[in-house]
């Protein structure tokens, strides 16, 4: 008599279950200990800052731990702040619209578009960057102004740039949402009111430019598709035929120079 295979499989399954549960218990214990360790690490800086007695000597001067944490937080958010307060958003959205209008999937790739947008942003924002360097960074580096004065002097050129490129309608919208009086001048508004108004205006202008970019390429698509239908070539994809004509049109009008010139001159500097 041969042994029953079903009995072997059931016994194997039943014997395997305790091992699996034991592994799960061990894993839970390890994860619990790791979580406790992380909580302790998170509570230590809070206790140190609450006591406000931990100082770090930098060049013979005492620096409070709260100032170090504040500076590290600002440095972590600095790329996002610079992107949201500069012309980067409009440029990268317009370039994405152009790629979609041409019918290209990944050409140019995202890395190239972001690189072009960054260097165009540096080119357009160079007067503001130099002003921040002269009026805020150099005095702060030479210890002539405090950290609070540095933040105030550095934000003023950016606020001036954003207000020049912000529509009055968008600024009034966030005035009303923030319950700010109309008597407050635009230059005296908080940066938390100016930045969302500026971003809204940038998105509107980027979408308007993208719509204008789509029109000539859309006309080419319509002409090609109607021509193929009249010739009875229904199975041939219109995008495959229209793409060379769209690329030819973009090359003939010197599209890259025209687009970069339009983007650079669209900002009120």
C-alpha atoms as a PDB file:
ATOM      1  CA  UNK A   1       0.000   0.000   0.000  1.00  0.00           C
ATOM      2  CA  UNK A   2       1.343   3.434  -0.963  1.00  0.00           C
ATOM      3  CA  UNK A   3       0.922   6.272   1.571  1.00  0.00           C
ATOM      4  CA  UNK A   4      -1.769   8.782   0.885  1.00  0.00           C
ATOM      5  CA  UNK A   5      -0.340  11.952  -0.734  1.00  0.00           C
ATOM      6  CA  UNK A   6      -3.113  14.169   0.629  1.00  0.00           C
ATOM      7  CA  UNK A   7      -2.230  13.227   4.195  1.00  0.00           C
ATOM      8  CA  UNK A   8       1.432  14.147   3.549  1.00  0.00           C
ATOM      9  CA  UNK A   9       0.540  17.516   2.111  1.00  0.00           C
ATOM     10  CA  UNK A  10      -1.844  18.348   4.963  1.00  0.00           C
ATOM     11  CA  UNK A  11       0.739  17.368   7.562  1.00  0.00           C
ATOM     12  CA  UNK A  12       3.393  19.424   5.736  1.00  0.00           C
ATOM     13  CA  UNK A  13       1.126  22.438   5.691  1.00  0.00           C
ATOM     14  CA  UNK A  14       0.251  22.103   9.356  1.00  0.00           C
ATOM     15  CA  UNK A  15       3.908  21.764  10.320  1.00  0.00           C
ATOM     16  CA  UNK A  16       4.860  24.771   8.191  1.00  0.00           C
ATOM     17  CA  UNK A  17       2.316  27.078   9.785  1.00  0.00           C
ATOM     18  CA  UNK A  18       3.989  27.355  13.218  1.00  0.00           C
ATOM     19  CA  UNK A  19       7.324  28.217  11.579  1.00  0.00           C
ATOM     20  CA  UNK A  20       5.682  31.013   9.624  1.00  0.00           C
ATOM     21  CA  UNK A  21       3.936  32.388  12.692  1.00  0.00           C
ATOM     22  CA  UNK A  22       7.214  32.270  14.622  1.00  0.00           C
ATOM     23  CA  UNK A  23       8.912  34.267  11.879  1.00  0.00           C
ATOM     24  CA  UNK A  24       6.107  36.809  11.972  1.00  0.00           C
ATOM     25  CA  UNK A  25       6.439  37.186  15.733  1.00  0.00           C
ATOM     26  CA  UNK A  26      10.195  37.676  15.443  1.00  0.00           C
ATOM     27  CA  UNK A  27       9.700  40.246  12.687  1.00  0.00           C
ATOM     28  CA  UNK A  28       7.129  42.134  14.777  1.00  0.00           C
ATOM     29  CA  UNK A  29       9.498  42.218  17.762  1.00  0.00           C
ATOM     30  CA  UNK A  30      12.306  43.593  15.613  1.00  0.00           C
ATOM     31  CA  UNK A  31      10.049  46.242  14.070  1.00  0.00           C
ATOM     32  CA  UNK A  32       8.740  47.229  17.515  1.00  0.00           C
ATOM     33  CA  UNK A  33      12.269  47.694  18.850  1.00  0.00           C
ATOM     34  CA  UNK A  34      13.238  49.746  15.781  1.00  0.00           C
ATOM     35  CA  UNK A  35      10.143  51.935  16.219  1.00  0.00           C
ATOM     36  CA  UNK A  36      10.950  52.531  19.907  1.00  0.00           C
ATOM     37  CA  UNK A  37      14.523  53.433  18.988  1.00  0.00           C
ATOM     38  CA  UNK A  38      13.352  55.928  16.354  1.00  0.00           C
ATOM     39  CA  UNK A  39      10.888  57.522  18.770  1.00  0.00           C
ATOM     40  CA  UNK A  40      13.681  57.972  21.307  1.00  0.00           C
ATOM     41  CA  UNK A  41      15.867  59.600  18.666  1.00  0.00           C
ATOM     42  CA  UNK A  42      13.048  61.961  17.733  1.00  0.00           C
ATOM     43  CA  UNK A  43      12.352  62.911  21.333  1.00  0.00           C
ATOM     44  CA  UNK A  44      15.960  63.721  22.172  1.00  0.00           C
ATOM     45  CA  UNK A  45      16.148  66.896  19.986  1.00  0.00           C
ATOM     46  CA  UNK A  46      12.770  68.013  21.352  1.00  0.00           C
ATOM     47  CA  UNK A  47      14.011  67.730  24.923  1.00  0.00           C
ATOM     48  CA  UNK A  48      17.216  69.525  24.040  1.00  0.00           C
ATOM     49  CA  UNK A  49      15.363  72.374  22.348  1.00  0.00           C
ATOM     50  CA  UNK A  50      12.871  72.628  25.205  1.00  0.00           C
ATOM     51  CA  UNK A  51      15.675  72.968  27.684  1.00  0.00           C
ATOM     52  CA  UNK A  52      17.352  75.482  25.324  1.00  0.00           C
ATOM     53  CA  UNK A  53      20.639  74.789  27.043  1.00  0.00           C
ATOM     54  CA  UNK A  54      22.460  72.911  24.282  1.00  0.00           C
ATOM     55  CA  UNK A  55      24.828  75.160  22.363  1.00  0.00           C
ATOM     56  CA  UNK A  56      27.340  74.407  19.624  1.00  0.00           C
ATOM     57  CA  UNK A  57      30.539  76.391  19.315  1.00  0.00           C
ATOM     58  CA  UNK A  58      31.122  77.621  15.770  1.00  0.00           C
ATOM     59  CA  UNK A  59      34.255  79.760  15.335  1.00  0.00           C
ATOM     60  CA  UNK A  60      34.294  80.497  19.025  1.00  0.00           C
ATOM     61  CA  UNK A  61      30.645  81.647  19.090  1.00  0.00           C
ATOM     62  CA  UNK A  62      27.750  79.785  20.671  1.00  0.00           C
ATOM     63  CA  UNK A  63      24.909  78.781  18.360  1.00  0.00           C
ATOM     64  CA  UNK A  64      21.623  77.478  19.739  1.00  0.00           C
ATOM     65  CA  UNK A  65      20.350  74.120  18.480  1.00  0.00           C
ATOM     66  CA  UNK A  66      17.042  75.719  17.473  1.00  0.00           C
ATOM     67  CA  UNK A  67      18.882  77.997  15.058  1.00  0.00           C
ATOM     68  CA  UNK A  68      20.682  75.002  13.555  1.00  0.00           C
ATOM     69  CA  UNK A  69      17.387  73.107  13.102  1.00  0.00           C
ATOM     70  CA  UNK A  70      15.788  76.178  11.557  1.00  0.00           C
ATOM     71  CA  UNK A  71      18.668  76.631   9.122  1.00  0.00           C
ATOM     72  CA  UNK A  72      18.641  72.945   8.127  1.00  0.00           C
ATOM     73  CA  UNK A  73      14.895  73.132   7.484  1.00  0.00           C
ATOM     74  CA  UNK A  74      15.344  76.199   5.272  1.00  0.00           C
ATOM     75  CA  UNK A  75      18.142  74.482   3.348  1.00  0.00           C
ATOM     76  CA  UNK A  76      15.951  71.398   2.803  1.00  0.00           C
ATOM     77  CA  UNK A  77      13.094  73.536   1.431  1.00  0.00           C
ATOM     78  CA  UNK A  78      15.351  75.901  -0.515  1.00  0.00           C
ATOM     79  CA  UNK A  79      15.087  74.137  -3.942  1.00  0.00           C
ATOM     80  CA  UNK A  80      11.290  74.086  -3.744  1.00  0.00           C
ATOM     81  CA  UNK A  81      11.153  77.725  -2.642  1.00  0.00           C
ATOM     82  CA  UNK A  82      13.435  78.844  -5.465  1.00  0.00           C
ATOM     83  CA  UNK A  83      11.422  76.923  -8.067  1.00  0.00           C
ATOM     84  CA  UNK A  84       8.115  78.297  -6.805  1.00  0.00           C
ATOM     85  CA  UNK A  85       9.361  81.893  -6.628  1.00  0.00           C
ATOM     86  CA  UNK A  86      11.158  82.002  -9.989  1.00  0.00           C
ATOM     87  CA  UNK A  87      10.293  81.625 -13.665  1.00  0.00           C
ATOM     88  CA  UNK A  88      11.051  77.874 -13.681  1.00  0.00           C
ATOM     89  CA  UNK A  89       7.405  76.793 -13.566  1.00  0.00           C
ATOM     90  CA  UNK A  90       6.326  78.677 -16.677  1.00  0.00           C
ATOM     91  CA  UNK A  91       9.334  77.520 -18.703  1.00  0.00           C
ATOM     92  CA  UNK A  92       9.085  73.815 -17.884  1.00  0.00           C
ATOM     93  CA  UNK A  93       5.310  73.716 -18.521  1.00  0.00           C
ATOM     94  CA  UNK A  94       5.690  75.456 -21.895  1.00  0.00           C
ATOM     95  CA  UNK A  95       8.426  73.025 -22.944  1.00  0.00           C
ATOM     96  CA  UNK A  96       6.214  70.085 -21.947  1.00  0.00           C
ATOM     97  CA  UNK A  97       3.343  71.533 -24.010  1.00  0.00           C
ATOM     98  CA  UNK A  98       5.694  71.895 -26.985  1.00  0.00           C
ATOM     99  CA  UNK A  99       6.784  68.262 -26.793  1.00  0.00           C
ATOM    100  CA  UNK A 100       3.182  67.073 -26.659  1.00  0.00           C
ATOM    101  CA  UNK A 101       2.147  69.369 -29.514  1.00  0.00           C
ATOM    102  CA  UNK A 102       4.881  67.953 -31.727  1.00  0.00           C
ATOM    103  CA  UNK A 103       3.646  64.458 -30.944  1.00  0.00           C
ATOM    104  CA  UNK A 104       6.975  63.332 -29.494  1.00  0.00           C
ATOM    105  CA  UNK A 105       6.810  60.908 -26.592  1.00  0.00           C
ATOM    106  CA  UNK A 106      10.185  61.165 -24.872  1.00  0.00           C
ATOM    107  CA  UNK A 107      12.171  63.514 -27.123  1.00  0.00           C
ATOM    108  CA  UNK A 108      13.635  65.633 -25.653  1.00  0.00           C
ATOM    109  CA  UNK A 109      13.709  63.553 -22.450  1.00  0.00           C
ATOM    110  CA  UNK A 110      12.627  64.951 -19.098  1.00  0.00           C
ATOM    111  CA  UNK A 111      16.222  65.452 -17.936  1.00  0.00           C
ATOM    112  CA  UNK A 112      16.935  67.679 -20.932  1.00  0.00           C
ATOM    113  CA  UNK A 113      13.761  69.726 -20.426  1.00  0.00           C
ATOM    114  CA  UNK A 114      14.527  70.265 -16.737  1.00  0.00           C
ATOM    115  CA  UNK A 115      18.144  71.200 -17.536  1.00  0.00           C
ATOM    116  CA  UNK A 116      17.065  73.734 -20.173  1.00  0.00           C
ATOM    117  CA  UNK A 117      14.488  75.166 -17.775  1.00  0.00           C
ATOM    118  CA  UNK A 118      17.050  75.521 -14.972  1.00  0.00           C
ATOM    119  CA  UNK A 119      19.621  77.335 -17.100  1.00  0.00           C
ATOM    120  CA  UNK A 120      16.998  79.601 -18.658  1.00  0.00           C
ATOM    121  CA  UNK A 121      15.806  80.369 -15.132  1.00  0.00           C
ATOM    122  CA  UNK A 122      19.349  81.277 -14.071  1.00  0.00           C
ATOM    123  CA  UNK A 123      19.734  83.458 -17.163  1.00  0.00           C
ATOM    124  CA  UNK A 124      16.469  85.333 -16.578  1.00  0.00           C
ATOM    125  CA  UNK A 125      16.878  85.596 -12.798  1.00  0.00           C
ATOM    126  CA  UNK A 126      20.559  86.633 -12.879  1.00  0.00           C
ATOM    127  CA  UNK A 127      19.845  90.350 -12.059  1.00  0.00           C
ATOM    128  CA  UNK A 128      17.770  89.310  -9.047  1.00  0.00           C
ATOM    129  CA  UNK A 129      20.366  86.761  -7.898  1.00  0.00           C
ATOM    130  CA  UNK A 130      23.140  89.350  -8.100  1.00  0.00           C
ATOM    131  CA  UNK A 131      21.003  91.825  -6.153  1.00  0.00           C
ATOM    132  CA  UNK A 132      20.387  89.242  -3.409  1.00  0.00           C
ATOM    133  CA  UNK A 133      24.100  88.475  -3.306  1.00  0.00           C
ATOM    134  CA  UNK A 134      25.064  92.148  -2.997  1.00  0.00           C
ATOM    135  CA  UNK A 135      22.402  93.320  -0.555  1.00  0.00           C
ATOM    136  CA  UNK A 136      21.826  90.219   1.592  1.00  0.00           C
ATOM    137  CA  UNK A 137      24.381  87.426   1.304  1.00  0.00           C
ATOM    138  CA  UNK A 138      27.628  89.393   1.376  1.00  0.00           C
ATOM    139  CA  UNK A 139      26.631  91.501   4.447  1.00  0.00           C
ATOM    140  CA  UNK A 140      25.446  88.341   6.205  1.00  0.00           C
ATOM    141  CA  UNK A 141      28.677  86.538   5.327  1.00  0.00           C
ATOM    142  CA  UNK A 142      30.670  89.437   6.771  1.00  0.00           C
ATOM    143  CA  UNK A 143      28.473  89.370   9.935  1.00  0.00           C
ATOM    144  CA  UNK A 144      27.183  92.883   9.336  1.00  0.00           C
ATOM    145  CA  UNK A 145      23.517  91.825   9.521  1.00  0.00           C
ATOM    146  CA  UNK A 146      21.655  89.193  11.502  1.00  0.00           C
ATOM    147  CA  UNK A 147      19.886  86.133  10.182  1.00  0.00           C
ATOM    148  CA  UNK A 148      16.467  87.808  10.362  1.00  0.00           C
ATOM    149  CA  UNK A 149      17.730  90.800   8.391  1.00  0.00           C
ATOM    150  CA  UNK A 150      19.292  88.455   5.849  1.00  0.00           C
ATOM    151  CA  UNK A 151      15.958  86.670   5.292  1.00  0.00           C
ATOM    152  CA  UNK A 152      14.142  89.988   4.935  1.00  0.00           C
ATOM    153  CA  UNK A 153      16.652  91.521   2.511  1.00  0.00           C
ATOM    154  CA  UNK A 154      16.841  88.303   0.449  1.00  0.00           C
ATOM    155  CA  UNK A 155      13.059  88.036   0.091  1.00  0.00           C
ATOM    156  CA  UNK A 156      12.533  91.634  -1.046  1.00  0.00           C
ATOM    157  CA  UNK A 157      13.954  91.238  -4.613  1.00  0.00           C
ATOM    158  CA  UNK A 158      12.040  87.983  -5.059  1.00  0.00           C
ATOM    159  CA  UNK A 159       8.836  89.608  -3.858  1.00  0.00           C
ATOM    160  CA  UNK A 160       9.360  92.515  -6.245  1.00  0.00           C
ATOM    161  CA  UNK A 161       9.870  90.099  -9.144  1.00  0.00           C
ATOM    162  CA  UNK A 162       6.766  88.097  -8.250  1.00  0.00           C
ATOM    163  CA  UNK A 163       4.584  91.179  -7.890  1.00  0.00           C
ATOM    164  CA  UNK A 164       5.657  92.418 -11.340  1.00  0.00           C
ATOM    165  CA  UNK A 165       4.553  89.107 -12.871  1.00  0.00           C
ATOM    166  CA  UNK A 166       1.375  88.606 -10.831  1.00  0.00           C
ATOM    167  CA  UNK A 167      -2.036  89.545 -12.178  1.00  0.00           C
ATOM    168  CA  UNK A 168      -4.109  91.900 -10.073  1.00  0.00           C
ATOM    169  CA  UNK A 169      -7.050  89.507 -10.205  1.00  0.00           C
ATOM    170  CA  UNK A 170      -5.014  86.678  -8.666  1.00  0.00           C
ATOM    171  CA  UNK A 171      -3.514  88.970  -6.037  1.00  0.00           C
ATOM    172  CA  UNK A 172      -6.971  90.198  -5.034  1.00  0.00           C
ATOM    173  CA  UNK A 173      -8.178  86.589  -4.837  1.00  0.00           C
ATOM    174  CA  UNK A 174      -5.598  85.645  -2.226  1.00  0.00           C
ATOM    175  CA  UNK A 175      -6.112  88.970  -0.464  1.00  0.00           C
ATOM    176  CA  UNK A 176      -9.734  87.997   0.087  1.00  0.00           C
ATOM    177  CA  UNK A 177      -8.879  84.411   1.033  1.00  0.00           C
ATOM    178  CA  UNK A 178      -6.301  85.628   3.536  1.00  0.00           C
ATOM    179  CA  UNK A 179      -8.670  88.360   4.794  1.00  0.00           C
ATOM    180  CA  UNK A 180      -6.091  91.063   4.112  1.00  0.00           C
ATOM    181  CA  UNK A 181      -7.356  94.633   3.976  1.00  0.00           C
ATOM    182  CA  UNK A 182      -7.332  96.443   0.643  1.00  0.00           C
ATOM    183  CA  UNK A 183      -5.526  99.346   2.288  1.00  0.00           C
ATOM    184  CA  UNK A 184      -2.351  97.259   2.587  1.00  0.00           C
ATOM    185  CA  UNK A 185       0.028  98.033  -0.283  1.00  0.00           C
ATOM    186  CA  UNK A 186       1.154  95.204  -2.548  1.00  0.00           C
ATOM    187  CA  UNK A 187       4.794  95.540  -1.479  1.00  0.00           C
ATOM    188  CA  UNK A 188       3.762  95.195   2.173  1.00  0.00           C
ATOM    189  CA  UNK A 189       1.873  91.919   1.639  1.00  0.00           C
ATOM    190  CA  UNK A 190       3.110  88.767   3.284  1.00  0.00           C
ATOM    191  CA  UNK A 191       5.182  86.346   1.243  1.00  0.00           C
ATOM    192  CA  UNK A 192       2.560  83.658   1.961  1.00  0.00           C
ATOM    193  CA  UNK A 193       0.030  85.742  -0.003  1.00  0.00           C
ATOM    194  CA  UNK A 194       2.338  86.739  -2.852  1.00  0.00           C
ATOM    195  CA  UNK A 195       3.686  83.244  -3.672  1.00  0.00           C
ATOM    196  CA  UNK A 196       0.319  81.480  -4.350  1.00  0.00           C
ATOM    197  CA  UNK A 197      -0.902  84.485  -6.359  1.00  0.00           C
ATOM    198  CA  UNK A 198       2.308  84.413  -8.401  1.00  0.00           C
ATOM    199  CA  UNK A 199       2.017  80.654  -8.981  1.00  0.00           C
ATOM    200  CA  UNK A 200      -1.588  81.026 -10.163  1.00  0.00           C
ATOM    201  CA  UNK A 201      -0.577  83.715 -12.658  1.00  0.00           C
ATOM    202  CA  UNK A 202       2.341  81.597 -13.874  1.00  0.00           C
ATOM    203  CA  UNK A 203       0.090  78.595 -14.489  1.00  0.00           C
ATOM    204  CA  UNK A 204      -2.383  80.746 -16.423  1.00  0.00           C
ATOM    205  CA  UNK A 205       0.306  82.256 -18.653  1.00  0.00           C
ATOM    206  CA  UNK A 206       1.944  78.856 -19.242  1.00  0.00           C
ATOM    207  CA  UNK A 207      -1.358  77.314 -20.349  1.00  0.00           C
ATOM    208  CA  UNK A 208      -2.085  80.271 -22.660  1.00  0.00           C
ATOM    209  CA  UNK A 209       1.324  79.882 -24.320  1.00  0.00           C
ATOM    210  CA  UNK A 210       0.755  76.119 -24.594  1.00  0.00           C
ATOM    211  CA  UNK A 211      -2.607  76.705 -26.292  1.00  0.00           C
ATOM    212  CA  UNK A 212      -0.988  79.026 -28.823  1.00  0.00           C
ATOM    213  CA  UNK A 213       1.716  76.420 -29.476  1.00  0.00           C
ATOM    214  CA  UNK A 214      -0.869  73.733 -30.175  1.00  0.00           C
ATOM    215  CA  UNK A 215      -2.761  75.673 -32.896  1.00  0.00           C
ATOM    216  CA  UNK A 216      -0.324  75.391 -35.882  1.00  0.00           C
ATOM    217  CA  UNK A 217       0.465  71.736 -35.177  1.00  0.00           C
ATOM    218  CA  UNK A 218      -3.229  70.941 -34.761  1.00  0.00           C
ATOM    219  CA  UNK A 219      -3.918  72.457 -38.197  1.00  0.00           C
ATOM    220  CA  UNK A 220      -1.254  70.182 -39.712  1.00  0.00           C
ATOM    221  CA  UNK A 221      -2.854  67.141 -38.037  1.00  0.00           C
ATOM    222  CA  UNK A 222      -6.284  68.082 -39.413  1.00  0.00           C
ATOM    223  CA  UNK A 223      -4.952  68.573 -42.964  1.00  0.00           C
ATOM    224  CA  UNK A 224      -3.060  65.273 -42.931  1.00  0.00           C
ATOM    225  CA  UNK A 225      -5.975  63.273 -41.491  1.00  0.00           C
ATOM    226  CA  UNK A 226      -8.488  64.714 -43.969  1.00  0.00           C
ATOM    227  CA  UNK A 227      -6.083  64.021 -46.869  1.00  0.00           C
ATOM    228  CA  UNK A 228      -5.576  60.425 -45.790  1.00  0.00           C
ATOM    229  CA  UNK A 229      -9.325  59.874 -45.444  1.00  0.00           C
ATOM    230  CA  UNK A 230      -9.981  61.303 -48.898  1.00  0.00           C
ATOM    231  CA  UNK A 231      -7.344  58.973 -50.357  1.00  0.00           C
ATOM    232  CA  UNK A 232      -8.917  55.986 -48.611  1.00  0.00           C
ATOM    233  CA  UNK A 233      -5.858  55.319 -46.453  1.00  0.00           C
ATOM    234  CA  UNK A 234      -7.824  54.870 -43.249  1.00  0.00           C
ATOM    235  CA  UNK A 235      -5.494  52.284 -41.705  1.00  0.00           C
ATOM    236  CA  UNK A 236      -2.446  54.550 -41.878  1.00  0.00           C
ATOM    237  CA  UNK A 237      -1.949  56.486 -38.575  1.00  0.00           C
ATOM    238  CA  UNK A 238      -2.154  60.258 -39.225  1.00  0.00           C
ATOM    239  CA  UNK A 239       0.451  60.987 -36.528  1.00  0.00           C
ATOM    240  CA  UNK A 240       3.073  59.015 -38.414  1.00  0.00           C
ATOM    241  CA  UNK A 241       2.558  61.162 -41.514  1.00  0.00           C
ATOM    242  CA  UNK A 242       2.058  64.525 -39.811  1.00  0.00           C
ATOM    243  CA  UNK A 243       5.088  64.333 -37.493  1.00  0.00           C
ATOM    244  CA  UNK A 244       7.710  65.042 -40.220  1.00  0.00           C
ATOM    245  CA  UNK A 245       5.675  68.044 -41.400  1.00  0.00           C
ATOM    246  CA  UNK A 246       5.400  69.390 -37.859  1.00  0.00           C
ATOM    247  CA  UNK A 247       9.140  68.991 -37.342  1.00  0.00           C
ATOM    248  CA  UNK A 248       9.780  70.688 -40.684  1.00  0.00           C
ATOM    249  CA  UNK A 249       7.549  73.632 -39.731  1.00  0.00           C
ATOM    250  CA  UNK A 250       9.284  73.971 -36.355  1.00  0.00           C
ATOM    251  CA  UNK A 251      12.717  73.963 -38.020  1.00  0.00           C
ATOM    252  CA  UNK A 252      11.741  76.442 -40.762  1.00  0.00           C
ATOM    253  CA  UNK A 253      10.460  79.071 -38.324  1.00  0.00           C
ATOM    254  CA  UNK A 254      13.547  78.541 -36.080  1.00  0.00           C
ATOM    255  CA  UNK A 255      11.287  77.380 -33.273  1.00  0.00           C
ATOM    256  CA  UNK A 256      13.787  77.002 -30.442  1.00  0.00           C
ATOM    257  CA  UNK A 257      15.187  80.530 -30.778  1.00  0.00           C
ATOM    258  CA  UNK A 258      11.699  81.976 -31.157  1.00  0.00           C
ATOM    259  CA  UNK A 259      10.401  80.091 -28.134  1.00  0.00           C
ATOM    260  CA  UNK A 260      13.337  81.008 -25.878  1.00  0.00           C
ATOM    261  CA  UNK A 261      13.138  84.645 -26.953  1.00  0.00           C
ATOM    262  CA  UNK A 262       9.409  84.733 -26.207  1.00  0.00           C
ATOM    263  CA  UNK A 263       9.905  83.152 -22.787  1.00  0.00           C
ATOM    264  CA  UNK A 264      12.757  85.487 -21.845  1.00  0.00           C
ATOM    265  CA  UNK A 265      10.862  88.629 -22.897  1.00  0.00           C
ATOM    266  CA  UNK A 266       7.562  87.544 -21.323  1.00  0.00           C
ATOM    267  CA  UNK A 267       8.846  88.323 -17.824  1.00  0.00           C
ATOM    268  CA  UNK A 268       8.605  91.885 -16.560  1.00  0.00           C
ATOM    269  CA  UNK A 269      12.118  92.535 -15.285  1.00  0.00           C
END
